[in-house]
Amino acid sequence: MIIAFDLVDRLEDCGFTVDGPHPSIVRALAAIETRVPDGAVLDVQLTDGVVFPVADRLRDMAVPFVFHSGHASPEELQERYPRADVCTKPCPIGTLESRLQKLVVSRK
């Protein structure tokens, strides 16, 4: 969780408003049902399984997202979620920021 909180701080420093981290599928799904985000950063491996149910729900809601993970193949993620972007850990914050910004802007 330390890495997740560091990422939150860095994204907030870049001007994003962050709701999270949500370490489990259950908590992430509850959060997006409560407040639809403009975009999301997803780690593939959560405490209660693989993040795909969350990614599926975000896709159904037309919410753009970026995978930020060292636990999955970028090719497999992009095959399953062609509109998503993938940043393999470790990833410079500037790269993650620009990719998330691009996806959020394209949604509007």
Protein backbone atom coordinates (compact mmCIF):
# COMPACT_ATOMS: atom_id res chain seq x y z
CA MET A 1 0.00 0.00 0.00
CA ILE A 2 2.96 2.36 0.49
CA ILE A 3 3.54 2.45 -3.26
CA ALA A 4 -0.16 3.13 -3.87
CA PHE A 5 -0.18 6.05 -1.43
CA ASP A 6 3.00 7.42 -3.03
CA LEU A 7 1.27 7.25 -6.41
CA VAL A 8 -1.75 9.09 -4.98
CA ASP A 9 0.52 11.87 -3.71
CA ARG A 10 2.27 12.16 -7.05
CA LEU A 11 -0.95 12.23 -9.07
CA GLU A 12 -2.36 14.89 -6.75
CA ASP A 13 0.85 16.88 -7.28
CA CYS A 14 0.10 16.64 -11.03
CA GLY A 15 -3.34 18.19 -10.47
CA PHE A 16 -5.56 15.11 -10.38
CA THR A 17 -8.21 14.58 -7.70
CA VAL A 18 -7.73 11.04 -6.43
CA ASP A 19 -10.28 8.74 -4.78
CA GLY A 20 -8.37 5.78 -3.45
CA PRO A 21 -6.41 3.66 -3.38
CA HIS A 22 -8.95 0.87 -3.40
CA PRO A 23 -6.97 -2.31 -2.67
CA SER A 24 -9.76 -4.79 -3.43
CA ILE A 25 -12.22 -5.48 -6.21
CA VAL A 26 -15.13 -5.07 -3.77
CA ARG A 27 -13.97 -1.63 -2.59
CA ALA A 28 -13.13 -0.44 -6.10
CA LEU A 29 -16.52 -1.47 -7.48
CA ALA A 30 -18.31 0.20 -4.57
CA ALA A 31 -16.32 3.40 -5.14
CA ILE A 32 -17.13 3.66 -8.85
CA GLU A 33 -20.81 3.00 -8.20
CA THR A 34 -20.84 5.79 -5.62
CA ARG A 35 -19.00 8.32 -7.78
CA VAL A 36 -18.21 7.79 -11.46
CA PRO A 37 -14.59 8.81 -12.03
CA ASP A 38 -13.25 10.75 -15.00
CA GLY A 39 -10.49 8.16 -15.31
CA ALA A 40 -8.74 5.45 -13.34
CA VAL A 41 -5.33 3.92 -12.71
CA LEU A 42 -5.57 0.17 -12.14
CA ASP A 43 -3.09 -2.29 -10.72
CA VAL A 44 -3.80 -5.76 -12.05
CA GLN A 45 -3.34 -7.69 -8.81
CA LEU A 46 -5.62 -6.60 -5.96
CA THR A 47 -5.98 -8.15 -2.52
CA ASP A 48 -8.99 -10.24 -3.55
CA GLY A 49 -8.05 -11.13 -7.10
CA VAL A 50 -7.35 -9.79 -10.56
CA VAL A 51 -8.78 -6.33 -11.37
CA PHE A 52 -10.72 -7.41 -14.48
CA PRO A 53 -14.22 -7.04 -12.95
CA VAL A 54 -13.35 -3.41 -12.16
CA ALA A 55 -11.91 -2.83 -15.63
CA ASP A 56 -15.01 -4.41 -17.18
CA ARG A 57 -17.30 -2.11 -15.19
CA LEU A 58 -15.26 0.98 -16.07
CA ARG A 59 -15.34 -0.03 -19.74
CA ASP A 60 -19.13 -0.47 -19.56
CA MET A 61 -19.39 3.02 -18.01
CA ALA A 62 -17.12 4.48 -20.74
CA VAL A 63 -14.56 5.54 -18.12
CA PRO A 64 -11.00 5.56 -19.49
CA PHE A 65 -8.31 3.78 -17.51
CA VAL A 66 -4.62 3.04 -17.45
CA PHE A 67 -3.17 -0.21 -16.17
CA HIS A 68 -0.15 0.46 -13.94
CA SER A 69 1.22 -2.95 -13.10
CA GLY A 70 4.19 -5.22 -13.11
CA HIS A 71 2.01 -8.34 -12.86
CA ALA A 72 0.64 -8.70 -16.38
CA SER A 73 1.58 -8.75 -20.02
CA PRO A 74 0.92 -5.39 -21.71
CA GLU A 75 0.00 -7.24 -24.91
CA GLU A 76 -2.61 -9.37 -23.14
CA LEU A 77 -4.09 -6.33 -21.39
CA GLN A 78 -4.35 -4.36 -24.63
CA GLU A 79 -5.87 -7.33 -26.41
CA ARG A 80 -8.57 -7.58 -23.74
CA TYR A 81 -8.96 -3.79 -23.30
CA PRO A 82 -7.91 -2.12 -26.58
CA ARG A 83 -8.93 1.37 -25.44
CA ALA A 84 -6.89 1.17 -22.23
CA ASP A 85 -3.29 2.21 -21.91
CA VAL A 86 -0.63 0.20 -20.08
CA CYS A 87 2.26 1.55 -18.03
CA THR A 88 4.55 -1.19 -16.78
CA LYS A 89 5.98 -0.71 -13.28
CA PRO A 90 8.23 1.00 -12.59
CA CYS A 91 6.94 3.87 -14.70
CA PRO A 92 8.00 7.52 -14.47
CA ILE A 93 5.19 9.64 -13.03
CA GLY A 94 5.37 11.96 -16.04
CA THR A 95 4.56 9.08 -18.38
CA LEU A 96 1.63 7.94 -16.26
CA GLU A 97 0.37 11.52 -15.92
CA SER A 98 0.46 12.18 -19.67
CA ARG A 99 -1.26 8.92 -20.57
CA LEU A 100 -4.00 9.41 -17.99
CA GLN A 101 -4.48 13.03 -19.04
CA LYS A 102 -4.76 11.99 -22.70
CA LEU A 103 -7.43 9.40 -21.90
CA VAL A 104 -9.43 11.73 -19.67
CA VAL A 105 -9.35 14.55 -22.25
CA SER A 106 -10.44 12.16 -25.02
CA ARG A 107 -13.52 11.22 -22.96
CA LYS A 108 -14.81 14.79 -22.79
